[in-house]
C-alpha atoms as a PDB file:
ATOM      1  CA  MET A   1     -73.059 -49.564 -35.944  1.00  0.00           C
ATOM      2  CA  SER A   2     -71.389 -52.686 -35.384  1.00  0.00           C
ATOM      3  CA  LYS A   3     -72.786 -55.039 -32.570  1.00  0.00           C
ATOM      4  CA  GLU A   4     -70.900 -54.891 -29.187  1.00  0.00           C
ATOM      5  CA  ASN A   5     -69.749 -57.907 -27.326  1.00  0.00           C
ATOM      6  CA  VAL A   6     -69.773 -58.004 -23.418  1.00  0.00           C
ATOM      7  CA  VAL A   7     -66.598 -59.829 -22.214  1.00  0.00           C
ATOM      8  CA  THR A   8     -65.893 -61.255 -18.802  1.00  0.00           C
ATOM      9  CA  ASP A   9     -64.350 -58.229 -17.401  1.00  0.00           C
ATOM     10  CA  GLY A  10     -67.380 -56.029 -17.732  1.00  0.00           C
ATOM     11  CA  SER A  11     -65.723 -54.034 -20.748  1.00  0.00           C
ATOM     12  CA  ARG A  12     -67.364 -54.063 -24.223  1.00  0.00           C
ATOM     13  CA  GLY A  13     -65.580 -55.210 -27.446  1.00  0.00           C
ATOM     14  CA  LEU A  14     -66.502 -54.081 -30.849  1.00  0.00           C
ATOM     15  CA  GLY A  15     -67.457 -56.404 -33.688  1.00  0.00           C
ATOM     16  CA  LEU A  16     -66.370 -55.934 -37.207  1.00  0.00           C
ATOM     17  CA  ALA A  17     -69.471 -57.034 -38.988  1.00  0.00           C
ATOM     18  CA  ASP A  18     -71.238 -54.054 -40.759  1.00  0.00           C
ATOM     19  CA  SER A  19     -68.630 -51.633 -39.267  1.00  0.00           C
ATOM     20  CA  SER A  20     -66.706 -48.890 -40.842  1.00  0.00           C
ATOM     21  CA  VAL A  21     -62.897 -49.089 -40.382  1.00  0.00           C
ATOM     22  CA  LEU A  22     -60.099 -46.728 -41.193  1.00  0.00           C
ATOM     23  CA  VAL A  23     -56.489 -48.022 -41.273  1.00  0.00           C
ATOM     24  CA  THR A  24     -53.320 -45.631 -41.680  1.00  0.00           C
ATOM     25  CA  GLY A  25     -50.363 -47.032 -43.383  1.00  0.00           C
ATOM     26  CA  ALA A  26     -52.320 -49.355 -45.229  1.00  0.00           C
ATOM     27  CA  ASN A  27     -50.192 -50.147 -48.145  1.00  0.00           C
ATOM     28  CA  ARG A  28     -48.083 -52.971 -46.697  1.00  0.00           C
ATOM     29  CA  GLY A  29     -47.173 -54.872 -43.668  1.00  0.00           C
ATOM     30  CA  ILE A  30     -49.621 -55.083 -40.573  1.00  0.00           C
ATOM     31  CA  GLY A  31     -51.597 -52.261 -42.242  1.00  0.00           C
ATOM     32  CA  GLN A  32     -52.175 -54.271 -45.469  1.00  0.00           C
ATOM     33  CA  ALA A  33     -53.020 -57.207 -43.376  1.00  0.00           C
ATOM     34  CA  LEU A  34     -55.410 -55.270 -41.175  1.00  0.00           C
ATOM     35  CA  VAL A  35     -57.600 -54.033 -44.213  1.00  0.00           C
ATOM     36  CA  GLU A  36     -57.769 -57.643 -45.567  1.00  0.00           C
ATOM     37  CA  GLU A  37     -58.785 -58.960 -42.203  1.00  0.00           C
ATOM     38  CA  ALA A  38     -61.452 -56.450 -41.584  1.00  0.00           C
ATOM     39  CA  LEU A  39     -62.881 -57.304 -45.025  1.00  0.00           C
ATOM     40  CA  SER A  40     -63.017 -60.920 -44.132  1.00  0.00           C
ATOM     41  CA  ARG A  41     -64.826 -60.121 -40.983  1.00  0.00           C
ATOM     42  CA  GLY A  42     -67.580 -58.350 -42.682  1.00  0.00           C
ATOM     43  CA  ALA A  43     -66.756 -54.938 -42.410  1.00  0.00           C
ATOM     44  CA  LYS A  44     -68.998 -52.722 -44.710  1.00  0.00           C
ATOM     45  CA  ARG A  45     -66.475 -50.051 -45.519  1.00  0.00           C
ATOM     46  CA  VAL A  46     -62.628 -49.926 -45.144  1.00  0.00           C
ATOM     47  CA  TYR A  47     -60.815 -46.811 -45.660  1.00  0.00           C
ATOM     48  CA  ALA A  48     -57.190 -47.505 -46.540  1.00  0.00           C
ATOM     49  CA  GLY A  49     -54.916 -44.483 -45.691  1.00  0.00           C
ATOM     50  CA  THR A  50     -51.644 -44.415 -47.599  1.00  0.00           C
ATOM     51  CA  ARG A  51     -49.289 -41.871 -48.727  1.00  0.00           C
ATOM     52  CA  GLN A  52     -49.237 -42.989 -52.259  1.00  0.00           C
ATOM     53  CA  PRO A  53     -52.235 -43.885 -54.524  1.00  0.00           C
ATOM     54  CA  LEU A  54     -53.713 -47.337 -53.831  1.00  0.00           C
ATOM     55  CA  VAL A  55     -55.913 -49.551 -55.943  1.00  0.00           C
ATOM     56  CA  HIS A  56     -57.890 -52.506 -54.242  1.00  0.00           C
ATOM     57  CA  PRO A  57     -60.319 -54.767 -55.942  1.00  0.00           C
ATOM     58  CA  ASP A  58     -62.722 -54.956 -53.117  1.00  0.00           C
ATOM     59  CA  LYS A  59     -65.350 -52.207 -53.717  1.00  0.00           C
ATOM     60  CA  ARG A  60     -65.662 -51.873 -49.973  1.00  0.00           C
ATOM     61  CA  VAL A  61     -62.181 -50.388 -49.655  1.00  0.00           C
ATOM     62  CA  THR A  62     -62.028 -46.543 -50.132  1.00  0.00           C
ATOM     63  CA  PRO A  63     -58.588 -45.467 -50.638  1.00  0.00           C
ATOM     64  CA  LEU A  64     -57.653 -42.144 -48.900  1.00  0.00           C
ATOM     65  CA  THR A  65     -54.282 -40.145 -49.634  1.00  0.00           C
ATOM     66  CA  LEU A  66     -53.197 -39.671 -46.210  1.00  0.00           C
ATOM     67  CA  ASP A  67     -49.782 -38.574 -44.845  1.00  0.00           C
ATOM     68  CA  VAL A  68     -50.248 -38.629 -41.187  1.00  0.00           C
ATOM     69  CA  THR A  69     -47.889 -35.592 -40.735  1.00  0.00           C
ATOM     70  CA  ASP A  70     -49.828 -33.466 -43.255  1.00  0.00           C
ATOM     71  CA  ALA A  71     -52.705 -31.618 -41.644  1.00  0.00           C
ATOM     72  CA  ALA A  72     -54.085 -30.727 -44.900  1.00  0.00           C
ATOM     73  CA  GLN A  73     -54.374 -34.329 -45.959  1.00  0.00           C
ATOM     74  CA  ILE A  74     -55.962 -35.300 -42.779  1.00  0.00           C
ATOM     75  CA  LYS A  75     -58.569 -32.588 -42.962  1.00  0.00           C
ATOM     76  CA  ALA A  76     -59.207 -33.930 -46.616  1.00  0.00           C
ATOM     77  CA  ALA A  77     -59.551 -37.415 -45.500  1.00  0.00           C
ATOM     78  CA  VAL A  78     -62.008 -36.430 -42.758  1.00  0.00           C
ATOM     79  CA  GLU A  79     -64.312 -34.921 -45.307  1.00  0.00           C
ATOM     80  CA  LYS A  80     -64.481 -38.096 -47.220  1.00  0.00           C
ATOM     81  CA  VAL A  81     -65.456 -40.269 -44.393  1.00  0.00           C
ATOM     82  CA  SER A  82     -69.206 -40.132 -43.502  1.00  0.00           C
ATOM     83  CA  SER A  83     -69.184 -42.462 -40.571  1.00  0.00           C
ATOM     84  CA  LEU A  84     -66.574 -44.398 -38.404  1.00  0.00           C
ATOM     85  CA  ASP A  85     -66.574 -47.115 -35.968  1.00  0.00           C
ATOM     86  CA  ILE A  86     -63.147 -48.030 -35.651  1.00  0.00           C
ATOM     87  CA  LEU A  87     -59.987 -45.849 -36.377  1.00  0.00           C
ATOM     88  CA  ILE A  88     -56.545 -47.815 -36.525  1.00  0.00           C
ATOM     89  CA  ASN A  89     -53.523 -45.748 -36.147  1.00  0.00           C
ATOM     90  CA  ASN A  90     -50.987 -48.031 -37.822  1.00  0.00           C
ATOM     91  CA  ALA A  91     -48.740 -45.690 -39.745  1.00  0.00           C
ATOM     92  CA  GLY A  92     -45.167 -45.841 -38.278  1.00  0.00           C
ATOM     93  CA  LEU A  93     -41.665 -44.993 -38.853  1.00  0.00           C
ATOM     94  CA  ALA A  94     -38.599 -46.752 -37.509  1.00  0.00           C
ATOM     95  CA  LEU A  95     -34.929 -45.622 -38.046  1.00  0.00           C
ATOM     96  CA  TYR A  96     -31.691 -47.185 -36.822  1.00  0.00           C
ATOM     97  CA  ASP A  97     -30.071 -44.536 -34.920  1.00  0.00           C
ATOM     98  CA  ASP A  98     -27.889 -43.809 -31.768  1.00  0.00           C
ATOM     99  CA  LEU A  99     -29.688 -40.544 -30.331  1.00  0.00           C
ATOM    100  CA  SER A 100     -26.903 -38.522 -31.746  1.00  0.00           C
ATOM    101  CA  ASP A 101     -29.014 -37.043 -34.360  1.00  0.00           C
ATOM    102  CA  ARG A 102     -32.030 -34.983 -33.015  1.00  0.00           C
ATOM    103  CA  ALA A 103     -33.640 -34.829 -36.496  1.00  0.00           C
ATOM    104  CA  ALA A 104     -34.058 -38.554 -36.451  1.00  0.00           C
ATOM    105  CA  LEU A 105     -35.748 -38.387 -33.147  1.00  0.00           C
ATOM    106  CA  GLU A 106     -38.050 -35.557 -34.257  1.00  0.00           C
ATOM    107  CA  GLN A 107     -38.937 -37.395 -37.605  1.00  0.00           C
ATOM    108  CA  GLN A 108     -40.117 -40.341 -35.619  1.00  0.00           C
ATOM    109  CA  LEU A 109     -42.059 -38.458 -32.987  1.00  0.00           C
ATOM    110  CA  ALA A 110     -43.796 -36.791 -36.118  1.00  0.00           C
ATOM    111  CA  VAL A 111     -44.976 -39.895 -37.411  1.00  0.00           C
ATOM    112  CA  ASN A 112     -45.352 -42.271 -34.332  1.00  0.00           C
ATOM    113  CA  LEU A 113     -46.751 -39.599 -31.834  1.00  0.00           C
ATOM    114  CA  PHE A 114     -48.075 -36.501 -33.443  1.00  0.00           C
ATOM    115  CA  GLY A 115     -49.352 -38.326 -36.503  1.00  0.00           C
ATOM    116  CA  THR A 116     -51.266 -40.594 -34.279  1.00  0.00           C
ATOM    117  CA  HIS A 117     -52.576 -37.618 -32.217  1.00  0.00           C
ATOM    118  CA  GLY A 118     -53.355 -35.509 -35.170  1.00  0.00           C
ATOM    119  CA  VAL A 119     -55.476 -38.368 -37.015  1.00  0.00           C
ATOM    120  CA  THR A 120     -57.284 -39.288 -33.676  1.00  0.00           C
ATOM    121  CA  GLN A 121     -58.267 -35.689 -32.853  1.00  0.00           C
ATOM    122  CA  ALA A 122     -59.602 -35.045 -36.581  1.00  0.00           C
ATOM    123  CA  PHE A 123     -61.709 -38.340 -36.655  1.00  0.00           C
ATOM    124  CA  LEU A 124     -62.913 -37.973 -32.945  1.00  0.00           C
ATOM    125  CA  PRO A 125     -66.204 -36.453 -33.683  1.00  0.00           C
ATOM    126  CA  LEU A 126     -67.239 -39.389 -35.808  1.00  0.00           C
ATOM    127  CA  LEU A 127     -65.883 -41.820 -33.253  1.00  0.00           C
ATOM    128  CA  ALA A 128     -67.851 -40.186 -30.483  1.00  0.00           C
ATOM    129  CA  ARG A 129     -70.917 -40.276 -32.631  1.00  0.00           C
ATOM    130  CA  SER A 130     -70.519 -44.106 -33.232  1.00  0.00           C
ATOM    131  CA  LYS A 131     -69.153 -44.939 -29.584  1.00  0.00           C
ATOM    132  CA  GLY A 132     -66.568 -46.461 -31.469  1.00  0.00           C
ATOM    133  CA  ALA A 133     -62.881 -47.430 -30.768  1.00  0.00           C
ATOM    134  CA  ILE A 134     -59.316 -46.324 -31.322  1.00  0.00           C
ATOM    135  CA  VAL A 135     -56.650 -48.764 -31.892  1.00  0.00           C
ATOM    136  CA  ASN A 136     -53.046 -47.682 -31.838  1.00  0.00           C
ATOM    137  CA  ILE A 137     -50.401 -49.881 -33.032  1.00  0.00           C
ATOM    138  CA  LEU A 138     -47.503 -49.831 -30.694  1.00  0.00           C
ATOM    139  CA  SER A 139     -44.606 -52.067 -29.882  1.00  0.00           C
ATOM    140  CA  VAL A 140     -43.237 -53.745 -26.826  1.00  0.00           C
ATOM    141  CA  ALA A 141     -40.359 -51.289 -27.267  1.00  0.00           C
ATOM    142  CA  ALA A 142     -42.878 -48.943 -25.735  1.00  0.00           C
ATOM    143  CA  LEU A 143     -42.285 -50.718 -22.455  1.00  0.00           C
ATOM    144  CA  ALA A 144     -38.565 -51.523 -22.614  1.00  0.00           C
ATOM    145  CA  ALA A 145     -36.312 -49.537 -25.102  1.00  0.00           C
ATOM    146  CA  LEU A 146     -34.704 -51.445 -28.046  1.00  0.00           C
ATOM    147  CA  PRO A 147     -31.380 -49.934 -28.045  1.00  0.00           C
ATOM    148  CA  VAL A 148     -30.693 -50.278 -31.770  1.00  0.00           C
ATOM    149  CA  ILE A 149     -33.712 -48.171 -32.346  1.00  0.00           C
ATOM    150  CA  PRO A 150     -33.885 -45.934 -29.471  1.00  0.00           C
ATOM    151  CA  ALA A 151     -35.715 -42.958 -31.150  1.00  0.00           C
ATOM    152  CA  TYR A 152     -38.226 -45.362 -32.287  1.00  0.00           C
ATOM    153  CA  SER A 153     -38.730 -46.879 -28.741  1.00  0.00           C
ATOM    154  CA  ILE A 154     -39.026 -43.263 -27.378  1.00  0.00           C
ATOM    155  CA  SER A 155     -41.712 -42.427 -29.910  1.00  0.00           C
ATOM    156  CA  LYS A 156     -43.615 -45.546 -29.232  1.00  0.00           C
ATOM    157  CA  ALA A 157     -43.289 -45.061 -25.559  1.00  0.00           C
ATOM    158  CA  ALA A 158     -44.945 -41.553 -25.863  1.00  0.00           C
ATOM    159  CA  ALA A 159     -47.745 -42.911 -28.189  1.00  0.00           C
ATOM    160  CA  PHE A 160     -48.403 -45.466 -25.463  1.00  0.00           C
ATOM    161  CA  SER A 161     -48.806 -42.704 -22.660  1.00  0.00           C
ATOM    162  CA  LEU A 162     -51.166 -40.909 -25.194  1.00  0.00           C
ATOM    163  CA  SER A 163     -53.051 -44.026 -25.631  1.00  0.00           C
ATOM    164  CA  GLN A 164     -53.446 -44.407 -21.772  1.00  0.00           C
ATOM    165  CA  SER A 165     -54.362 -40.959 -21.538  1.00  0.00           C
ATOM    166  CA  LEU A 166     -56.910 -40.971 -24.343  1.00  0.00           C
ATOM    167  CA  ARG A 167     -58.327 -44.066 -22.731  1.00  0.00           C
ATOM    168  CA  ALA A 168     -59.168 -42.316 -19.682  1.00  0.00           C
ATOM    169  CA  LEU A 169     -60.294 -39.103 -21.163  1.00  0.00           C
ATOM    170  CA  LEU A 170     -62.511 -40.584 -23.794  1.00  0.00           C
ATOM    171  CA  ALA A 171     -64.340 -43.007 -21.683  1.00  0.00           C
ATOM    172  CA  PRO A 172     -66.933 -40.774 -20.597  1.00  0.00           C
ATOM    173  CA  ARG A 173     -67.852 -40.175 -24.273  1.00  0.00           C
ATOM    174  CA  GLY A 174     -67.986 -44.012 -24.911  1.00  0.00           C
ATOM    175  CA  VAL A 175     -64.971 -44.078 -27.121  1.00  0.00           C
ATOM    176  CA  ARG A 176     -62.691 -47.150 -26.434  1.00  0.00           C
ATOM    177  CA  VAL A 177     -58.914 -46.988 -26.859  1.00  0.00           C
ATOM    178  CA  HIS A 178     -56.835 -50.086 -27.364  1.00  0.00           C
ATOM    179  CA  ALA A 179     -53.063 -50.138 -27.241  1.00  0.00           C
ATOM    180  CA  VAL A 180     -51.348 -52.949 -29.467  1.00  0.00           C
ATOM    181  CA  LEU A 181     -47.988 -53.873 -28.049  1.00  0.00           C
ATOM    182  CA  THR A 182     -46.224 -56.026 -30.883  1.00  0.00           C
ATOM    183  CA  GLY A 183     -43.188 -58.021 -30.659  1.00  0.00           C
ATOM    184  CA  PRO A 184     -41.232 -58.667 -33.875  1.00  0.00           C
ATOM    185  CA  VAL A 185     -43.278 -58.947 -37.026  1.00  0.00           C
ATOM    186  CA  ASP A 186     -42.240 -59.791 -40.490  1.00  0.00           C
ATOM    187  CA  THR A 187     -42.414 -56.361 -42.152  1.00  0.00           C
ATOM    188  CA  ASP A 188     -40.141 -54.112 -44.031  1.00  0.00           C
ATOM    189  CA  MET A 189     -39.668 -52.307 -40.834  1.00  0.00           C
ATOM    190  CA  SER A 190     -37.956 -55.048 -39.004  1.00  0.00           C
ATOM    191  CA  ARG A 191     -35.977 -56.509 -41.818  1.00  0.00           C
ATOM    192  CA  GLY A 192     -32.720 -55.788 -40.469  1.00  0.00           C
ATOM    193  CA  LEU A 193     -33.421 -57.859 -37.206  1.00  0.00           C
ATOM    194  CA  ASP A 194     -32.325 -61.384 -37.484  1.00  0.00           C
ATOM    195  CA  ILE A 195     -34.959 -62.824 -35.080  1.00  0.00           C
ATOM    196  CA  PRO A 196     -38.144 -64.918 -35.081  1.00  0.00           C
ATOM    197  CA  LYS A 197     -41.157 -62.737 -36.417  1.00  0.00           C
ATOM    198  CA  ALA A 198     -44.715 -63.280 -36.573  1.00  0.00           C
ATOM    199  CA  SER A 199     -46.628 -62.762 -39.674  1.00  0.00           C
ATOM    200  CA  PRO A 200     -48.667 -59.633 -40.302  1.00  0.00           C
ATOM    201  CA  ALA A 201     -51.640 -61.844 -41.128  1.00  0.00           C
ATOM    202  CA  SER A 202     -51.565 -63.561 -37.606  1.00  0.00           C
ATOM    203  CA  VAL A 203     -51.118 -60.401 -35.841  1.00  0.00           C
ATOM    204  CA  ALA A 204     -53.826 -58.714 -37.692  1.00  0.00           C
ATOM    205  CA  ARG A 205     -56.245 -61.517 -36.558  1.00  0.00           C
ATOM    206  CA  ALA A 206     -55.059 -61.235 -33.149  1.00  0.00           C
ATOM    207  CA  ILE A 207     -55.574 -57.454 -33.059  1.00  0.00           C
ATOM    208  CA  PHE A 208     -59.188 -57.723 -34.171  1.00  0.00           C
ATOM    209  CA  ASP A 209     -59.716 -60.681 -31.784  1.00  0.00           C
ATOM    210  CA  GLY A 210     -58.503 -58.387 -29.065  1.00  0.00           C
ATOM    211  CA  VAL A 211     -60.670 -55.593 -30.108  1.00  0.00           C
ATOM    212  CA  GLU A 212     -63.817 -57.923 -30.294  1.00  0.00           C
ATOM    213  CA  LYS A 213     -63.040 -59.119 -26.668  1.00  0.00           C
ATOM    214  CA  GLY A 214     -62.547 -55.636 -25.262  1.00  0.00           C
ATOM    215  CA  GLU A 215     -58.881 -55.833 -24.233  1.00  0.00           C
ATOM    216  CA  GLU A 216     -57.450 -52.629 -23.443  1.00  0.00           C
ATOM    217  CA  ASP A 217     -53.810 -53.580 -24.107  1.00  0.00           C
ATOM    218  CA  ILE A 218     -53.286 -56.294 -26.872  1.00  0.00           C
ATOM    219  CA  PHE A 219     -50.394 -58.515 -27.137  1.00  0.00           C
ATOM    220  CA  PRO A 220     -50.845 -60.021 -30.636  1.00  0.00           C
ATOM    221  CA  ASP A 221     -48.031 -62.426 -31.295  1.00  0.00           C
ATOM    222  CA  GLN A 222     -46.152 -65.140 -29.397  1.00  0.00           C
ATOM    223  CA  MET A 223     -43.337 -63.088 -28.218  1.00  0.00           C
ATOM    224  CA  SER A 224     -45.575 -60.250 -26.669  1.00  0.00           C
ATOM    225  CA  ALA A 225     -48.308 -62.695 -25.463  1.00  0.00           C
ATOM    226  CA  THR A 226     -45.667 -63.970 -23.030  1.00  0.00           C
ATOM    227  CA  MET A 227     -45.830 -60.636 -21.271  1.00  0.00           C
ATOM    228  CA  ALA A 228     -49.841 -60.193 -21.336  1.00  0.00           C
ATOM    229  CA  GLU A 229     -50.512 -61.814 -17.982  1.00  0.00           C
ATOM    230  CA  SER A 230     -47.807 -60.123 -16.056  1.00  0.00           C
ATOM    231  CA  TRP A 231     -48.508 -56.586 -17.451  1.00  0.00           C
ATOM    232  CA  ARG A 232     -52.221 -56.768 -16.879  1.00  0.00           C
ATOM    233  CA  GLY A 233     -51.824 -57.824 -13.254  1.00  0.00           C
ATOM    234  CA  GLY A 234     -48.950 -55.645 -12.684  1.00  0.00           C
ATOM    235  CA  ALA A 235     -48.342 -52.487 -10.825  1.00  0.00           C
ATOM    236  CA  ALA A 236     -48.042 -50.246 -13.789  1.00  0.00           C
ATOM    237  CA  LYS A 237     -51.450 -51.092 -15.041  1.00  0.00           C
ATOM    238  CA  ALA A 238     -52.976 -50.991 -11.493  1.00  0.00           C
ATOM    239  CA  LEU A 239     -51.371 -47.253 -11.276  1.00  0.00           C
ATOM    240  CA  GLU A 240     -53.062 -46.571 -14.834  1.00  0.00           C
ATOM    241  CA  ARG A 241     -56.288 -47.416 -13.370  1.00  0.00           C
ATOM    242  CA  GLN A 242     -56.009 -45.492 -10.202  1.00  0.00           C
ATOM    243  CA  TYR A 243     -54.955 -42.490 -12.436  1.00  0.00           C
ATOM    244  CA  ALA A 244     -58.005 -42.956 -14.743  1.00  0.00           C
ATOM    245  CA  ALA A 245     -60.256 -42.882 -11.836  1.00  0.00           C
ATOM    246  CA  LEU A 246     -59.284 -39.260 -10.983  1.00  0.00           C
ATOM    247  CA  VAL A 247     -60.708 -38.155 -14.278  1.00  0.00           C
ATOM    248  CA  ASP A 248     -64.186 -37.737 -13.038  1.00  0.00           C
ATOM    249  CA  SER A 249     -63.007 -35.744  -9.934  1.00  0.00           C
ATOM    250  CA  PHE A 250     -60.492 -33.505 -11.592  1.00  0.00           C
ATOM    251  CA  SER A 251     -62.047 -30.069 -12.713  1.00  0.00           C
ATOM    252  CA  GLY A 252     -58.958 -29.067 -14.623  1.00  0.00           C
ATOM    253  CA  PRO A 253     -56.571 -26.070 -14.075  1.00  0.00           C
ATOM    254  CA  ARG A 254     -57.725 -23.173 -11.953  1.00  0.00           C
ATOM    255  CA  SER A 255     -56.422 -19.640 -12.413  1.00  0.00           C
ATOM    256  CA  SER A 256     -55.950 -17.606  -9.449  1.00  0.00           C
END
């Protein structure tokens, strides 16, 4: 298990040295950069989940065939992972739409929400054993919808709510949950947006910096970082903390 770092707010971060990391959507963009950054920080094993076969020159990388919408592939991936410290749910889908086609919304929910949920639940026993961390790669579109990709925004908002819920529910088991709220990043997914974008490598570095510092919500680029202070001190974050405090006192639904 990797070394924990105590940070100033009393939470604990997770170091990468000698850790075991799994990254979904690892074949390109942020996912590929996360694999390389984990290796550079001394991870002992990096599981790279991709839909197509992957070959990597570093022997610490173990490729996994992993479509996050395929329950059989998720189950098979779990059987190949002996231990896990950090799960990074990075696989994502963004389609330009106008909400007139329900199928487009369902397709993005299948990947961005239910894929994240399915992979997390499957690997949760390993993460609970290691007192590890879940890192969900989201978007600032989770906080305010981007109208040119509304279905994507909806799916990321749902995945953010999932992250907040898991954060409270898994805290008693020692599993941390980090939500990464990215701004525009220079990947295939954002190719159609003519705006300044951060590099995947810089975003990957900032993500692991945030994990090591124990930041619950990570704003890993210049655009998103402008929102960090107001978000962390805002009413929505305060309400999340108030709701999380109810977990210990809530005994669950009661039948009559």
